[in-house]
Amino acid sequence: MPKATNSASGTSSSSIQDMLKAFFQQQQRMEMEWREMMERREQERRMFEQEWRQKMEKVERERLMVEQAWREREEQRRMREESRAERRDALLTTLLNKLINQTNF
């Protein structure tokens, strides 16, 4: 009787060990898959951030170019305005001088 129990208990013990071994292997596989998934997500996040940064840098460069073009147009407009004002002042001065000269005669 003790041998039968011992043999049954050995089989039972072996079966439990096999189940535990299989369980731990499954846990390790699941943990490895989880880590791989997290690493993939991290890589995707890094790629997304890098693409976003590049897009933002491009947008900033475009904004600076537009701003520079606007400044140049404003400078040209200001120069034209000053040139018109100078010509107008010169014309008015000439007209006033002619009027003054005509009244003196």
PDB file of N, CA and C in Angstrom:
ATOM      1  N   MET A   1       0.805  -1.191   0.000  1.00  0.00           N
ATOM      2  CA  MET A   1       0.000   0.000   0.000  1.00  0.00           C
ATOM      3  C   MET A   1       0.857   1.269   0.000  1.00  0.00           C
ATOM      4  N   PRO A   2       1.892   1.334   0.827  1.00  0.00           N
ATOM      5  CA  PRO A   2       2.691   2.538   0.808  1.00  0.00           C
ATOM      6  C   PRO A   2       3.352   2.768  -0.538  1.00  0.00           C
ATOM      7  N   LYS A   3       3.724   1.710  -1.256  1.00  0.00           N
ATOM      8  CA  LYS A   3       4.354   1.893  -2.560  1.00  0.00           C
ATOM      9  C   LYS A   3       3.367   2.493  -3.555  1.00  0.00           C
ATOM     10  N   ALA A   4       2.151   2.069  -3.538  1.00  0.00           N
ATOM     11  CA  ALA A   4       1.139   2.579  -4.457  1.00  0.00           C
ATOM     12  C   ALA A   4       0.897   4.060  -4.187  1.00  0.00           C
ATOM     13  N   THR A   5       0.820   4.417  -2.941  1.00  0.00           N
ATOM     14  CA  THR A   5       0.601   5.814  -2.587  1.00  0.00           C
ATOM     15  C   THR A   5       1.805   6.642  -3.002  1.00  0.00           C
ATOM     16  N   ASN A   6       2.969   6.084  -2.756  1.00  0.00           N
ATOM     17  CA  ASN A   6       4.187   6.783  -3.104  1.00  0.00           C
ATOM     18  C   ASN A   6       4.260   6.972  -4.611  1.00  0.00           C
ATOM     19  N   SER A   7       3.906   5.963  -5.366  1.00  0.00           N
ATOM     20  CA  SER A   7       3.933   6.037  -6.813  1.00  0.00           C
ATOM     21  C   SER A   7       2.883   7.011  -7.310  1.00  0.00           C
ATOM     22  N   ALA A   8       1.697   6.975  -6.746  1.00  0.00           N
ATOM     23  CA  ALA A   8       0.625   7.895  -7.136  1.00  0.00           C
ATOM     24  C   ALA A   8       0.992   9.316  -6.754  1.00  0.00           C
ATOM     25  N   SER A   9       1.582   9.442  -5.614  1.00  0.00           N
ATOM     26  CA  SER A   9       1.956  10.776  -5.176  1.00  0.00           C
ATOM     27  C   SER A   9       3.103  11.296  -6.026  1.00  0.00           C
ATOM     28  N   GLY A  10       4.002  10.446  -6.502  1.00  0.00           N
ATOM     29  CA  GLY A  10       5.080  10.853  -7.405  1.00  0.00           C
ATOM     30  C   GLY A  10       4.522  11.306  -8.729  1.00  0.00           C
ATOM     31  N   THR A  11       3.553  10.610  -9.246  1.00  0.00           N
ATOM     32  CA  THR A  11       2.916  10.977 -10.502  1.00  0.00           C
ATOM     33  C   THR A  11       2.167  12.280 -10.327  1.00  0.00           C
ATOM     34  N   SER A  12       1.490  12.391  -9.204  1.00  0.00           N
ATOM     35  CA  SER A  12       0.738  13.613  -8.918  1.00  0.00           C
ATOM     36  C   SER A  12       1.694  14.788  -8.769  1.00  0.00           C
ATOM     37  N   SER A  13       2.803  14.558  -8.078  1.00  0.00           N
ATOM     38  CA  SER A  13       3.794  15.604  -7.876  1.00  0.00           C
ATOM     39  C   SER A  13       4.408  16.007  -9.219  1.00  0.00           C
ATOM     40  N   SER A  14       4.703  15.020 -10.039  1.00  0.00           N
ATOM     41  CA  SER A  14       5.268  15.285 -11.358  1.00  0.00           C
ATOM     42  C   SER A  14       4.271  16.059 -12.215  1.00  0.00           C
ATOM     43  N   SER A  15       3.010  15.694 -12.116  1.00  0.00           N
ATOM     44  CA  SER A  15       1.963  16.373 -12.868  1.00  0.00           C
ATOM     45  C   SER A  15       1.828  17.832 -12.420  1.00  0.00           C
ATOM     46  N   ILE A  16       1.879  18.050 -11.138  1.00  0.00           N
ATOM     47  CA  ILE A  16       1.801  19.426 -10.613  1.00  0.00           C
ATOM     48  C   ILE A  16       3.019  20.221 -11.055  1.00  0.00           C
ATOM     49  N   GLN A  17       4.195  19.604 -11.008  1.00  0.00           N
ATOM     50  CA  GLN A  17       5.405  20.286 -11.453  1.00  0.00           C
ATOM     51  C   GLN A  17       5.314  20.633 -12.942  1.00  0.00           C
ATOM     52  N   ASP A  18       4.790  19.719 -13.720  1.00  0.00           N
ATOM     53  CA  ASP A  18       4.628  19.977 -15.153  1.00  0.00           C
ATOM     54  C   ASP A  18       3.654  21.133 -15.384  1.00  0.00           C
ATOM     55  N   MET A  19       2.559  21.121 -14.618  1.00  0.00           N
ATOM     56  CA  MET A  19       1.578  22.210 -14.760  1.00  0.00           C
ATOM     57  C   MET A  19       2.188  23.550 -14.350  1.00  0.00           C
ATOM     58  N   LEU A  20       2.934  23.555 -13.238  1.00  0.00           N
ATOM     59  CA  LEU A  20       3.594  24.788 -12.792  1.00  0.00           C
ATOM     60  C   LEU A  20       4.626  25.250 -13.822  1.00  0.00           C
ATOM     61  N   LYS A  21       5.375  24.306 -14.348  1.00  0.00           N
ATOM     62  CA  LYS A  21       6.386  24.649 -15.361  1.00  0.00           C
ATOM     63  C   LYS A  21       5.703  25.268 -16.591  1.00  0.00           C
ATOM     64  N   ALA A  22       4.625  24.638 -17.025  1.00  0.00           N
ATOM     65  CA  ALA A  22       3.886  25.159 -18.180  1.00  0.00           C
ATOM     66  C   ALA A  22       3.310  26.535 -17.868  1.00  0.00           C
ATOM     67  N   PHE A  23       2.805  26.699 -16.664  1.00  0.00           N
ATOM     68  CA  PHE A  23       2.238  27.997 -16.251  1.00  0.00           C
ATOM     69  C   PHE A  23       3.309  29.082 -16.272  1.00  0.00           C
ATOM     70  N   PHE A  24       4.486  28.796 -15.689  1.00  0.00           N
ATOM     71  CA  PHE A  24       5.555  29.789 -15.660  1.00  0.00           C
ATOM     72  C   PHE A  24       6.070  30.087 -17.060  1.00  0.00           C
ATOM     73  N   GLN A  25       6.142  29.068 -17.902  1.00  0.00           N
ATOM     74  CA  GLN A  25       6.568  29.309 -19.286  1.00  0.00           C
ATOM     75  C   GLN A  25       5.565  30.211 -20.002  1.00  0.00           C
ATOM     76  N   GLN A  26       4.289  29.951 -19.768  1.00  0.00           N
ATOM     77  CA  GLN A  26       3.239  30.790 -20.368  1.00  0.00           C
ATOM     78  C   GLN A  26       3.365  32.221 -19.846  1.00  0.00           C
ATOM     79  N   GLN A  27       3.612  32.363 -18.552  1.00  0.00           N
ATOM     80  CA  GLN A  27       3.781  33.702 -17.962  1.00  0.00           C
ATOM     81  C   GLN A  27       4.976  34.408 -18.589  1.00  0.00           C
ATOM     82  N   GLN A  28       6.067  33.692 -18.773  1.00  0.00           N
ATOM     83  CA  GLN A  28       7.262  34.276 -19.380  1.00  0.00           C
ATOM     84  C   GLN A  28       6.990  34.692 -20.823  1.00  0.00           C
ATOM     85  N   ARG A  29       6.274  33.843 -21.576  1.00  0.00           N
ATOM     86  CA  ARG A  29       5.925  34.198 -22.954  1.00  0.00           C
ATOM     87  C   ARG A  29       5.057  35.456 -22.980  1.00  0.00           C
ATOM     88  N   MET A  30       4.072  35.478 -22.075  1.00  0.00           N
ATOM     89  CA  MET A  30       3.175  36.647 -22.036  1.00  0.00           C
ATOM     90  C   MET A  30       3.946  37.913 -21.669  1.00  0.00           C
ATOM     91  N   GLU A  31       4.866  37.789 -20.708  1.00  0.00           N
ATOM     92  CA  GLU A  31       5.673  38.938 -20.312  1.00  0.00           C
ATOM     93  C   GLU A  31       6.568  39.398 -21.458  1.00  0.00           C
ATOM     94  N   MET A  32       7.153  38.441 -22.183  1.00  0.00           N
ATOM     95  CA  MET A  32       8.015  38.777 -23.314  1.00  0.00           C
ATOM     96  C   MET A  32       7.195  39.476 -24.412  1.00  0.00           C
ATOM     97  N   GLU A  33       6.022  38.949 -24.694  1.00  0.00           N
ATOM     98  CA  GLU A  33       5.147  39.571 -25.701  1.00  0.00           C
ATOM     99  C   GLU A  33       4.754  40.975 -25.264  1.00  0.00           C
ATOM    100  N   TRP A  34       4.458  41.128 -23.985  1.00  0.00           N
ATOM    101  CA  TRP A  34       4.073  42.443 -23.461  1.00  0.00           C
ATOM    102  C   TRP A  34       5.232  43.426 -23.617  1.00  0.00           C
ATOM    103  N   ARG A  35       6.456  42.962 -23.270  1.00  0.00           N
ATOM    104  CA  ARG A  35       7.626  43.839 -23.416  1.00  0.00           C
ATOM    105  C   ARG A  35       7.853  44.221 -24.875  1.00  0.00           C
ATOM    106  N   GLU A  36       7.736  43.243 -25.751  1.00  0.00           N
ATOM    107  CA  GLU A  36       7.916  43.528 -27.185  1.00  0.00           C
ATOM    108  C   GLU A  36       6.874  44.527 -27.667  1.00  0.00           C
ATOM    109  N   MET A  37       5.639  44.350 -27.225  1.00  0.00           N
ATOM    110  CA  MET A  37       4.580  45.275 -27.606  1.00  0.00           C
ATOM    111  C   MET A  37       4.880  46.679 -27.079  1.00  0.00           C
ATOM    112  N   MET A  38       5.326  46.769 -25.841  1.00  0.00           N
ATOM    113  CA  MET A  38       5.648  48.074 -25.263  1.00  0.00           C
ATOM    114  C   MET A  38       6.824  48.719 -25.996  1.00  0.00           C
ATOM    115  N   GLU A  39       7.812  47.914 -26.370  1.00  0.00           N
ATOM    116  CA  GLU A  39       8.951  48.437 -27.124  1.00  0.00           C
ATOM    117  C   GLU A  39       8.503  48.943 -28.494  1.00  0.00           C
ATOM    118  N   ARG A  40       7.595  48.191 -29.149  1.00  0.00           N
ATOM    119  CA  ARG A  40       7.069  48.644 -30.451  1.00  0.00           C
ATOM    120  C   ARG A  40       6.316  49.965 -30.281  1.00  0.00           C
ATOM    121  N   ARG A  41       5.493  50.036 -29.240  1.00  0.00           N
ATOM    122  CA  ARG A  41       4.744  51.281 -28.998  1.00  0.00           C
ATOM    123  C   ARG A  41       5.686  52.448 -28.720  1.00  0.00           C
ATOM    124  N   GLU A  42       6.726  52.197 -27.955  1.00  0.00           N
ATOM    125  CA  GLU A  42       7.706  53.244 -27.657  1.00  0.00           C
ATOM    126  C   GLU A  42       8.403  53.697 -28.940  1.00  0.00           C
ATOM    127  N   GLN A  43       8.759  52.737 -29.777  1.00  0.00           N
ATOM    128  CA  GLN A  43       9.393  53.077 -31.055  1.00  0.00           C
ATOM    129  C   GLN A  43       8.434  53.886 -31.930  1.00  0.00           C
ATOM    130  N   GLU A  44       7.175  53.482 -31.983  1.00  0.00           N
ATOM    131  CA  GLU A  44       6.175  54.221 -32.758  1.00  0.00           C
ATOM    132  C   GLU A  44       6.008  55.634 -32.208  1.00  0.00           C
ATOM    133  N   ARG A  45       5.990  55.759 -30.889  1.00  0.00           N
ATOM    134  CA  ARG A  45       5.858  57.079 -30.261  1.00  0.00           C
ATOM    135  C   ARG A  45       7.056  57.953 -30.618  1.00  0.00           C
ATOM    136  N   ARG A  46       8.260  57.370 -30.566  1.00  0.00           N
ATOM    137  CA  ARG A  46       9.462  58.134 -30.926  1.00  0.00           C
ATOM    138  C   ARG A  46       9.411  58.587 -32.377  1.00  0.00           C
ATOM    139  N   MET A  47       8.987  57.683 -33.260  1.00  0.00           N
ATOM    140  CA  MET A  47       8.872  58.035 -34.679  1.00  0.00           C
ATOM    141  C   MET A  47       7.857  59.148 -34.868  1.00  0.00           C
ATOM    142  N   PHE A  48       6.723  59.022 -34.192  1.00  0.00           N
ATOM    143  CA  PHE A  48       5.685  60.039 -34.289  1.00  0.00           C
ATOM    144  C   PHE A  48       6.212  61.385 -33.802  1.00  0.00           C
ATOM    145  N   GLU A  49       6.912  61.375 -32.672  1.00  0.00           N
ATOM    146  CA  GLU A  49       7.476  62.620 -32.139  1.00  0.00           C
ATOM    147  C   GLU A  49       8.494  63.219 -33.098  1.00  0.00           C
ATOM    148  N   GLN A  50       9.330  62.372 -33.666  1.00  0.00           N
ATOM    149  CA  GLN A  50      10.337  62.866 -34.606  1.00  0.00           C
ATOM    150  C   GLN A  50       9.667  63.478 -35.837  1.00  0.00           C
ATOM    151  N   GLU A  51       8.664  62.810 -36.382  1.00  0.00           N
ATOM    152  CA  GLU A  51       7.937  63.351 -37.538  1.00  0.00           C
ATOM    153  C   GLU A  51       7.254  64.656 -37.166  1.00  0.00           C
ATOM    154  N   TRP A  52       6.651  64.689 -35.982  1.00  0.00           N
ATOM    155  CA  TRP A  52       5.970  65.910 -35.536  1.00  0.00           C
ATOM    156  C   TRP A  52       6.968  67.054 -35.406  1.00  0.00           C
ATOM    157  N   ARG A  53       8.135  66.756 -34.798  1.00  0.00           N
ATOM    158  CA  ARG A  53       9.165  67.784 -34.639  1.00  0.00           C
ATOM    159  C   ARG A  53       9.619  68.315 -35.993  1.00  0.00           C
ATOM    160  N   GLN A  54       9.827  67.402 -36.943  1.00  0.00           N
ATOM    161  CA  GLN A  54      10.260  67.816 -38.274  1.00  0.00           C
ATOM    162  C   GLN A  54       9.198  68.686 -38.947  1.00  0.00           C
ATOM    163  N   LYS A  55       7.923  68.297 -38.793  1.00  0.00           N
ATOM    164  CA  LYS A  55       6.845  69.098 -39.376  1.00  0.00           C
ATOM    165  C   LYS A  55       6.798  70.477 -38.742  1.00  0.00           C
ATOM    166  N   MET A  56       6.961  70.529 -37.423  1.00  0.00           N
ATOM    167  CA  MET A  56       6.923  71.818 -36.738  1.00  0.00           C
ATOM    168  C   MET A  56       8.106  72.692 -37.144  1.00  0.00           C
ATOM    169  N   GLU A  57       9.267  72.090 -37.320  1.00  0.00           N
ATOM    170  CA  GLU A  57      10.428  72.850 -37.782  1.00  0.00           C
ATOM    171  C   GLU A  57      10.177  73.402 -39.185  1.00  0.00           C
ATOM    172  N   LYS A  58       9.570  72.586 -40.037  1.00  0.00           N
ATOM    173  CA  LYS A  58       9.247  73.039 -41.398  1.00  0.00           C
ATOM    174  C   LYS A  58       8.239  74.178 -41.349  1.00  0.00           C
ATOM    175  N   VAL A  59       7.220  74.035 -40.521  1.00  0.00           N
ATOM    176  CA  VAL A  59       6.213  75.094 -40.387  1.00  0.00           C
ATOM    177  C   VAL A  59       6.872  76.377 -39.881  1.00  0.00           C
ATOM    178  N   GLU A  60       7.777  76.252 -38.920  1.00  0.00           N
ATOM    179  CA  GLU A  60       8.469  77.423 -38.380  1.00  0.00           C
ATOM    180  C   GLU A  60       9.331  78.088 -39.449  1.00  0.00           C
ATOM    181  N   ARG A  61      10.044  77.266 -40.252  1.00  0.00           N
ATOM    182  CA  ARG A  61      10.839  77.852 -41.337  1.00  0.00           C
ATOM    183  C   ARG A  61       9.949  78.585 -42.336  1.00  0.00           C
ATOM    184  N   GLU A  62       8.811  77.965 -42.673  1.00  0.00           N
ATOM    185  CA  GLU A  62       7.880  78.610 -43.602  1.00  0.00           C
ATOM    186  C   GLU A  62       7.342  79.908 -43.010  1.00  0.00           C
ATOM    187  N   ARG A  63       7.027  79.892 -41.722  1.00  0.00           N
ATOM    188  CA  ARG A  63       6.524  81.099 -41.066  1.00  0.00           C
ATOM    189  C   ARG A  63       7.576  82.200 -41.105  1.00  0.00           C
ATOM    190  N   LEU A  64       8.828  81.839 -40.838  1.00  0.00           N
ATOM    191  CA  LEU A  64       9.903  82.830 -40.881  1.00  0.00           C
ATOM    192  C   LEU A  64      10.084  83.395 -42.288  1.00  0.00           C
ATOM    193  N   MET A  65       9.952  82.524 -43.298  1.00  0.00           N
ATOM    194  CA  MET A  65      10.076  83.003 -44.675  1.00  0.00           C
ATOM    195  C   MET A  65       8.938  83.965 -45.020  1.00  0.00           C
ATOM    196  N   VAL A  66       7.723  83.623 -44.607  1.00  0.00           N
ATOM    197  CA  VAL A  66       6.571  84.493 -44.866  1.00  0.00           C
ATOM    198  C   VAL A  66       6.750  85.823 -44.141  1.00  0.00           C
ATOM    199  N   GLU A  67       7.214  85.740 -42.903  1.00  0.00           N
ATOM    200  CA  GLU A  67       7.432  86.964 -42.131  1.00  0.00           C
ATOM    201  C   GLU A  67       8.510  87.832 -42.772  1.00  0.00           C
ATOM    202  N   GLN A  68       9.597  87.201 -43.244  1.00  0.00           N
ATOM    203  CA  GLN A  68      10.657  87.945 -43.912  1.00  0.00           C
ATOM    204  C   GLN A  68      10.129  88.599 -45.193  1.00  0.00           C
ATOM    205  N   ALA A  69       9.353  87.871 -45.961  1.00  0.00           N
ATOM    206  CA  ALA A  69       8.779  88.437 -47.194  1.00  0.00           C
ATOM    207  C   ALA A  69       7.866  89.617 -46.848  1.00  0.00           C
ATOM    208  N   TRP A  70       7.080  89.479 -45.786  1.00  0.00           N
ATOM    209  CA  TRP A  70       6.199  90.574 -45.365  1.00  0.00           C
ATOM    210  C   TRP A  70       7.018  91.800 -44.972  1.00  0.00           C
ATOM    211  N   ARG A  71       8.106  91.572 -44.208  1.00  0.00           N
ATOM    212  CA  ARG A  71       8.969  92.704 -43.812  1.00  0.00           C
ATOM    213  C   ARG A  71       9.560  93.395 -45.040  1.00  0.00           C
ATOM    214  N   GLU A  72       9.992  92.586 -46.000  1.00  0.00           N
ATOM    215  CA  GLU A  72      10.572  93.169 -47.217  1.00  0.00           C
ATOM    216  C   GLU A  72       9.526  93.986 -47.977  1.00  0.00           C
ATOM    217  N   ARG A  73       8.298  93.435 -48.084  1.00  0.00           N
ATOM    218  CA  ARG A  73       7.235  94.187 -48.762  1.00  0.00           C
ATOM    219  C   ARG A  73       6.919  95.482 -48.006  1.00  0.00           C
ATOM    220  N   GLU A  74       6.880  95.386 -46.683  1.00  0.00           N
ATOM    221  CA  GLU A  74       6.616  96.583 -45.877  1.00  0.00           C
ATOM    222  C   GLU A  74       7.720  97.613 -46.061  1.00  0.00           C
ATOM    223  N   GLU A  75       8.957  97.166 -46.119  1.00  0.00           N
ATOM    224  CA  GLU A  75      10.081  98.083 -46.325  1.00  0.00           C
ATOM    225  C   GLU A  75       9.976  98.738 -47.702  1.00  0.00           C
ATOM    226  N   GLN A  76       9.643  97.970 -48.715  1.00  0.00           N
ATOM    227  CA  GLN A  76       9.467  98.536 -50.052  1.00  0.00           C
ATOM    228  C   GLN A  76       8.311  99.534 -50.073  1.00  0.00           C
ATOM    229  N   ARG A  77       7.218  99.182 -49.402  1.00  0.00           N
ATOM    230  CA  ARG A  77       6.074 100.100 -49.347  1.00  0.00           C
ATOM    231  C   ARG A  77       6.461 101.399 -48.637  1.00  0.00           C
ATOM    232  N   ARG A  78       7.211 101.269 -47.534  1.00  0.00           N
ATOM    233  CA  ARG A  78       7.646 102.449 -46.791  1.00  0.00           C
ATOM    234  C   ARG A  78       8.576 103.310 -47.640  1.00  0.00           C
ATOM    235  N   MET A  79       9.467 102.662 -48.383  1.00  0.00           N
ATOM    236  CA  MET A  79      10.380 103.416 -49.245  1.00  0.00           C
ATOM    237  C   MET A  79       9.605 104.144 -50.352  1.00  0.00           C
ATOM    238  N   ARG A  80       8.602 103.464 -50.939  1.00  0.00           N
ATOM    239  CA  ARG A  80       7.774 104.121 -51.967  1.00  0.00           C
ATOM    240  C   ARG A  80       7.027 105.309 -51.357  1.00  0.00           C
ATOM    241  N   GLU A  81       6.495 105.101 -50.162  1.00  0.00           N
ATOM    242  CA  GLU A  81       5.766 106.177 -49.478  1.00  0.00           C
ATOM    243  C   GLU A  81       6.679 107.370 -49.209  1.00  0.00           C
ATOM    244  N   GLU A  82       7.888 107.102 -48.744  1.00  0.00           N
ATOM    245  CA  GLU A  82       8.845 108.185 -48.489  1.00  0.00           C
ATOM    246  C   GLU A  82       9.224 108.889 -49.783  1.00  0.00           C
ATOM    247  N   SER A  83       9.415 108.104 -50.843  1.00  0.00           N
ATOM    248  CA  SER A  83       9.772 108.686 -52.141  1.00  0.00           C
ATOM    249  C   SER A  83       8.638 109.588 -52.639  1.00  0.00           C
ATOM    250  N   ARG A  84       7.397 109.103 -52.515  1.00  0.00           N
ATOM    251  CA  ARG A  84       6.247 109.939 -52.912  1.00  0.00           C
ATOM    252  C   ARG A  84       6.186 111.213 -52.082  1.00  0.00           C
ATOM    253  N   ALA A  85       6.400 111.096 -50.801  1.00  0.00           N
ATOM    254  CA  ALA A  85       6.352 112.263 -49.918  1.00  0.00           C
ATOM    255  C   ALA A  85       7.451 113.259 -50.300  1.00  0.00           C
ATOM    256  N   GLU A  86       8.649 112.749 -50.589  1.00  0.00           N
ATOM    257  CA  GLU A  86       9.745 113.639 -50.993  1.00  0.00           C
ATOM    258  C   GLU A  86       9.415 114.345 -52.307  1.00  0.00           C
ATOM    259  N   ARG A  87       8.872 113.598 -53.279  1.00  0.00           N
ATOM    260  CA  ARG A  87       8.508 114.222 -54.557  1.00  0.00           C
ATOM    261  C   ARG A  87       7.405 115.255 -54.361  1.00  0.00           C
ATOM    262  N   ARG A  88       6.419 114.910 -53.535  1.00  0.00           N
ATOM    263  CA  ARG A  88       5.327 115.849 -53.256  1.00  0.00           C
ATOM    264  C   ARG A  88       5.879 117.106 -52.590  1.00  0.00           C
ATOM    265  N   ASP A  89       6.759 116.922 -51.600  1.00  0.00           N
ATOM    266  CA  ASP A  89       7.354 118.080 -50.930  1.00  0.00           C
ATOM    267  C   ASP A  89       8.173 118.921 -51.894  1.00  0.00           C
ATOM    268  N   ALA A  90       8.928 118.251 -52.769  1.00  0.00           N
ATOM    269  CA  ALA A  90       9.732 118.989 -53.752  1.00  0.00           C
ATOM    270  C   ALA A  90       8.818 119.752 -54.705  1.00  0.00           C
ATOM    271  N   LEU A  91       7.730 119.133 -55.142  1.00  0.00           N
ATOM    272  CA  LEU A  91       6.784 119.803 -56.040  1.00  0.00           C
ATOM    273  C   LEU A  91       6.143 121.003 -55.345  1.00  0.00           C
ATOM    274  N   LEU A  92       5.717 120.816 -54.097  1.00  0.00           N
ATOM    275  CA  LEU A  92       5.112 121.926 -53.354  1.00  0.00           C
ATOM    276  C   LEU A  92       6.104 123.058 -53.137  1.00  0.00           C
ATOM    277  N   THR A  93       7.343 122.710 -52.832  1.00  0.00           N
ATOM    278  CA  THR A  93       8.383 123.727 -52.639  1.00  0.00           C
ATOM    279  C   THR A  93       8.606 124.492 -53.940  1.00  0.00           C
ATOM    280  N   THR A  94       8.676 123.776 -55.047  1.00  0.00           N
ATOM    281  CA  THR A  94       8.861 124.424 -56.349  1.00  0.00           C
ATOM    282  C   THR A  94       7.679 125.339 -56.659  1.00  0.00           C
ATOM    283  N   LEU A  95       6.471 124.861 -56.433  1.00  0.00           N
ATOM    284  CA  LEU A  95       5.292 125.683 -56.694  1.00  0.00           C
ATOM    285  C   LEU A  95       5.259 126.911 -55.804  1.00  0.00           C
ATOM    286  N   LEU A  96       5.576 126.729 -54.545  1.00  0.00           N
ATOM    287  CA  LEU A  96       5.591 127.873 -53.630  1.00  0.00           C
ATOM    288  C   LEU A  96       6.661 128.881 -54.040  1.00  0.00           C
ATOM    289  N   ASN A  97       7.844 128.375 -54.417  1.00  0.00           N
ATOM    290  CA  ASN A  97       8.897 129.283 -54.884  1.00  0.00           C
ATOM    291  C   ASN A  97       8.466 130.049 -56.117  1.00  0.00           C
ATOM    292  N   LYS A  98       7.787 129.412 -57.042  1.00  0.00           N
ATOM    293  CA  LYS A  98       7.312 130.081 -58.255  1.00  0.00           C
ATOM    294  C   LYS A  98       6.277 131.138 -57.893  1.00  0.00           C
ATOM    295  N   LEU A  99       5.380 130.788 -56.967  1.00  0.00           N
ATOM    296  CA  LEU A  99       4.366 131.757 -56.538  1.00  0.00           C
ATOM    297  C   LEU A  99       5.018 132.970 -55.863  1.00  0.00           C
ATOM    298  N   ILE A 100       6.014 132.681 -55.023  1.00  0.00           N
ATOM    299  CA  ILE A 100       6.703 133.775 -54.328  1.00  0.00           C
ATOM    300  C   ILE A 100       7.441 134.655 -55.359  1.00  0.00           C
ATOM    301  N   ASN A 101       8.091 134.019 -56.310  1.00  0.00           N
ATOM    302  CA  ASN A 101       8.814 134.776 -57.337  1.00  0.00           C
ATOM    303  C   ASN A 101       7.849 135.592 -58.195  1.00  0.00           C
ATOM    304  N   GLN A 102       6.669 135.062 -58.481  1.00  0.00           N
ATOM    305  CA  GLN A 102       5.691 135.780 -59.304  1.00  0.00           C
ATOM    306  C   GLN A 102       5.116 136.974 -58.551  1.00  0.00           C
ATOM    307  N   THR A 103       4.930 136.837 -57.248  1.00  0.00           N
ATOM    308  CA  THR A 103       4.368 137.935 -56.481  1.00  0.00           C
ATOM    309  C   THR A 103       5.398 139.026 -56.253  1.00  0.00           C
ATOM    310  N   ASN A 104       6.678 138.713 -56.301  1.00  0.00           N
ATOM    311  CA  ASN A 104       7.730 139.688 -56.097  1.00  0.00           C
ATOM    312  C   ASN A 104       7.898 140.564 -57.354  1.00  0.00           C
ATOM    313  N   PHE A 105       7.438 140.181 -58.484  1.00  0.00           N
ATOM    314  CA  PHE A 105       7.609 140.973 -59.702  1.00  0.00           C
ATOM    315  C   PHE A 105       6.467 141.844 -59.946  1.00  0.00           C
TER     316      PHE A 105
END
